[in-house]
Amino acid sequence: MERLRKLNNSVWIGLGIGLLVPAMCCAMAWYVIHQVASLAKADLLYIGGIAVNAYTMQTFFKYNKENIGRGILAATFLCAFVFFAYKVF
């Protein structure tokens, strides 16, 4: 946790973290969806990957890294928009 305190309080770092964490979670969800036949239509698992950002954002707010939290929030909205576009189109 000491590494979190030393991290530069920048929105761009938060945006990077906020895009990287859901990308890894959604990649795992994609793998599970394609390996388990009963989950073939369970696209909402991707929402779980995006929801991990809420916990990540809370962690950075706890360490008074508000700008990183704002970047994670922006990335969460971006990921939610991409998911919405995926479901609609």
Foldseek 3Di string as FASTA:
>chain_A
DVVLLVDDLALVLLLVVLQVQLVVQVVVVVVVCVPDVVNVPVPCSSVVSLCVLVVVLVVSVVSVSNSSSVSNVVSSVVSVVVSVVVVPD
